[in-house]
Protein backbone atom coordinates (compact mmCIF):
# COMPACT_ATOMS: atom_id res chain seq x y z
CA MET A 1 136.55 117.35 86.63
CA ASP A 2 136.99 120.91 87.74
CA THR A 3 138.68 121.74 91.09
CA LYS A 4 135.29 122.71 92.81
CA ALA A 5 133.59 119.41 91.81
CA LYS A 6 136.65 117.47 92.90
CA ASP A 7 136.74 119.29 96.21
CA GLU A 8 133.10 118.67 96.91
CA LYS A 9 133.39 114.97 95.81
CA TYR A 10 136.31 114.34 98.38
CA MET A 11 134.65 116.61 101.17
CA ARG A 12 131.55 114.31 100.84
CA MET A 13 133.87 111.44 101.61
CA ALA A 14 135.30 113.48 104.63
CA LEU A 15 131.71 113.92 105.74
CA ASP A 16 131.12 110.24 105.62
CA GLU A 17 134.13 109.68 107.83
CA ALA A 18 132.82 112.42 110.38
CA ARG A 19 129.44 110.62 110.52
CA LYS A 20 131.28 107.33 111.48
CA ALA A 21 132.89 109.35 114.39
CA LEU A 22 129.35 110.68 115.32
CA ALA A 23 127.88 107.13 115.47
CA MET A 24 130.62 106.19 117.86
CA GLN A 25 129.77 109.29 120.00
CA GLU A 26 133.15 111.02 118.92
CA VAL A 27 133.43 114.60 117.82
CA PRO A 28 132.27 114.29 114.21
CA ILE A 29 135.39 115.46 112.13
CA GLY A 30 136.56 113.29 109.20
CA ALA A 31 139.46 113.39 106.82
CA VAL A 32 140.66 111.81 103.54
CA VAL A 33 144.03 112.04 101.81
CA VAL A 34 144.09 112.05 98.10
CA ALA A 35 147.09 111.25 95.74
CA GLY A 36 145.95 112.02 92.23
CA ASP A 37 142.52 110.63 92.13
CA ARG A 38 143.16 107.80 94.53
CA ILE A 39 142.32 108.02 98.31
CA VAL A 40 145.34 106.86 100.20
CA GLY A 41 144.19 107.54 103.69
CA ARG A 42 140.98 107.91 105.64
CA GLY A 43 140.35 108.83 109.23
CA HIS A 44 137.74 110.10 111.76
CA ASN A 45 138.12 111.15 115.39
CA LEU A 46 138.81 108.30 117.71
CA VAL A 47 139.91 110.44 120.81
CA GLU A 48 137.32 108.80 123.12
CA THR A 49 137.50 105.32 121.72
CA LEU A 50 141.30 105.17 122.12
CA ALA A 51 141.46 107.29 125.10
CA ASP A 52 144.20 109.26 123.15
CA SER A 53 144.09 113.08 122.80
CA THR A 54 146.25 112.92 119.60
CA ALA A 55 143.80 110.61 117.67
CA HIS A 56 142.36 113.17 115.64
CA ALA A 57 140.84 112.63 112.29
CA GLU A 58 143.80 114.21 110.40
CA MET A 59 146.23 112.11 112.37
CA GLN A 60 144.49 109.00 111.48
CA ALA A 61 144.31 109.79 107.83
CA LEU A 62 147.92 111.04 107.52
CA THR A 63 149.11 107.90 109.21
CA ALA A 64 147.03 105.53 106.86
CA ALA A 65 148.39 107.64 103.78
CA MET A 66 152.08 107.43 104.77
CA SER A 67 151.56 103.68 105.34
CA THR A 68 149.83 103.21 101.96
CA LEU A 69 152.39 105.32 100.12
CA GLY A 70 155.45 103.91 102.06
CA GLY A 71 156.98 107.09 103.10
CA LYS A 72 156.82 110.20 105.60
CA TYR A 73 156.10 113.00 103.08
CA LEU A 74 152.99 113.63 101.27
CA THR A 75 154.07 116.24 98.75
CA ASP A 76 151.68 115.15 96.15
CA CYS A 77 148.74 114.92 98.34
CA THR A 78 145.62 116.81 99.23
CA ILE A 79 143.95 116.39 102.67
CA TYR A 80 140.20 117.06 103.00
CA VAL A 81 139.00 117.61 106.46
CA THR A 82 135.57 118.69 107.64
CA VAL A 83 136.74 121.25 110.25
CA GLU A 84 139.90 123.64 110.35
CA PRO A 85 142.88 121.58 111.82
CA CYS A 86 144.05 122.25 115.20
CA ALA A 87 147.47 123.55 115.84
CA MET A 88 148.72 119.90 116.54
CA CYS A 89 147.30 118.62 113.29
CA ALA A 90 148.61 121.58 111.26
CA GLY A 91 151.98 120.82 112.62
CA ALA A 92 151.61 117.27 111.49
CA LEU A 93 150.43 118.37 108.13
CA ALA A 94 153.50 120.72 107.95
CA TRP A 95 155.91 117.79 108.85
CA SER A 96 154.45 115.68 106.20
CA ARG A 97 154.78 118.33 103.62
CA VAL A 98 151.20 117.69 102.41
CA ALA A 99 150.68 119.81 99.14
CA ARG A 100 147.09 121.03 99.81
CA VAL A 101 144.84 121.31 102.73
CA VAL A 102 140.94 121.78 102.03
CA TYR A 103 138.66 122.27 105.03
CA GLY A 104 135.00 122.79 105.46
CA ALA A 105 134.21 124.79 108.48
CA ALA A 106 136.40 127.10 110.23
CA ASP A 107 137.13 126.50 114.09
CA PRO A 108 137.23 129.84 115.74
CA LYS A 109 138.14 128.49 119.02
CA ARG A 110 140.79 125.81 118.50
CA GLY A 111 141.67 126.12 114.71
CA TYR A 112 145.36 126.56 113.76
CA SER A 113 144.70 129.89 112.32
CA THR A 114 143.85 131.37 115.84
CA PHE A 115 147.39 130.62 116.75
CA SER A 116 149.19 131.34 113.49
CA GLU A 117 148.78 131.03 109.85
CA ARG A 118 152.44 129.87 109.68
CA LEU A 119 151.82 126.60 111.12
CA LEU A 120 151.37 124.82 107.76
CA HIS A 121 154.35 124.25 105.45
CA PRO A 122 155.14 127.40 103.34
CA ARG A 123 154.43 125.40 100.20
CA THR A 124 151.28 124.18 101.23
CA GLU A 125 148.14 125.52 99.38
CA LEU A 126 144.78 126.16 101.45
CA THR A 127 141.40 126.16 100.42
CA ALA A 128 138.59 126.80 103.23
CA GLY A 129 135.05 126.88 103.11
CA VAL A 130 134.36 123.85 101.01
CA MET A 131 130.78 122.57 101.87
CA GLU A 132 131.05 124.60 104.90
CA ALA A 133 127.36 124.71 105.96
CA GLU A 134 127.10 120.91 105.98
CA CYS A 135 130.35 120.55 108.10
CA ARG A 136 129.38 123.15 110.36
CA GLU A 137 125.92 121.85 110.85
CA LEU A 138 127.33 118.41 111.67
CA MET A 139 129.27 119.79 114.45
CA GLU A 140 126.74 122.11 115.81
CA GLY A 141 124.28 119.31 115.94
CA PHE A 142 126.65 117.24 118.07
CA PHE A 143 127.57 119.78 120.51
CA ALA A 144 123.81 120.87 120.82
CA SER A 145 122.88 117.21 121.69
CA LEU A 146 125.27 117.29 124.44
CA ARG A 147 123.68 120.22 126.24
């Protein structure tokens, strides 16, 4: 399977996680962590459910992946997330030394790149815009429903 097809496959799974968040009236962001061809962590926003401002999808997925793999470093892993990580999540991704970050929609208001591109680990590869339209539409639909 080529990289584009693999990225889309796992981004669809991240979108499934985002839809779980949406069903819980959470901001619909989802993430999956992949090691090789195996999902080792999944997560979706649980900020409202847990009354915890750090309960972002990426944080949930990273914690699950570290538990599954039995260590704090994810040097052979890729995280797929539907929206550009915030500065907090980018910091966690850097500390976990994740090999690759793949995200769908940019976040021009709170995405890590609005603060500094250097928040990710220097060795982390970045791929942006995978299934961007689907990821953006899910977010826009959610926020439109709040107005």
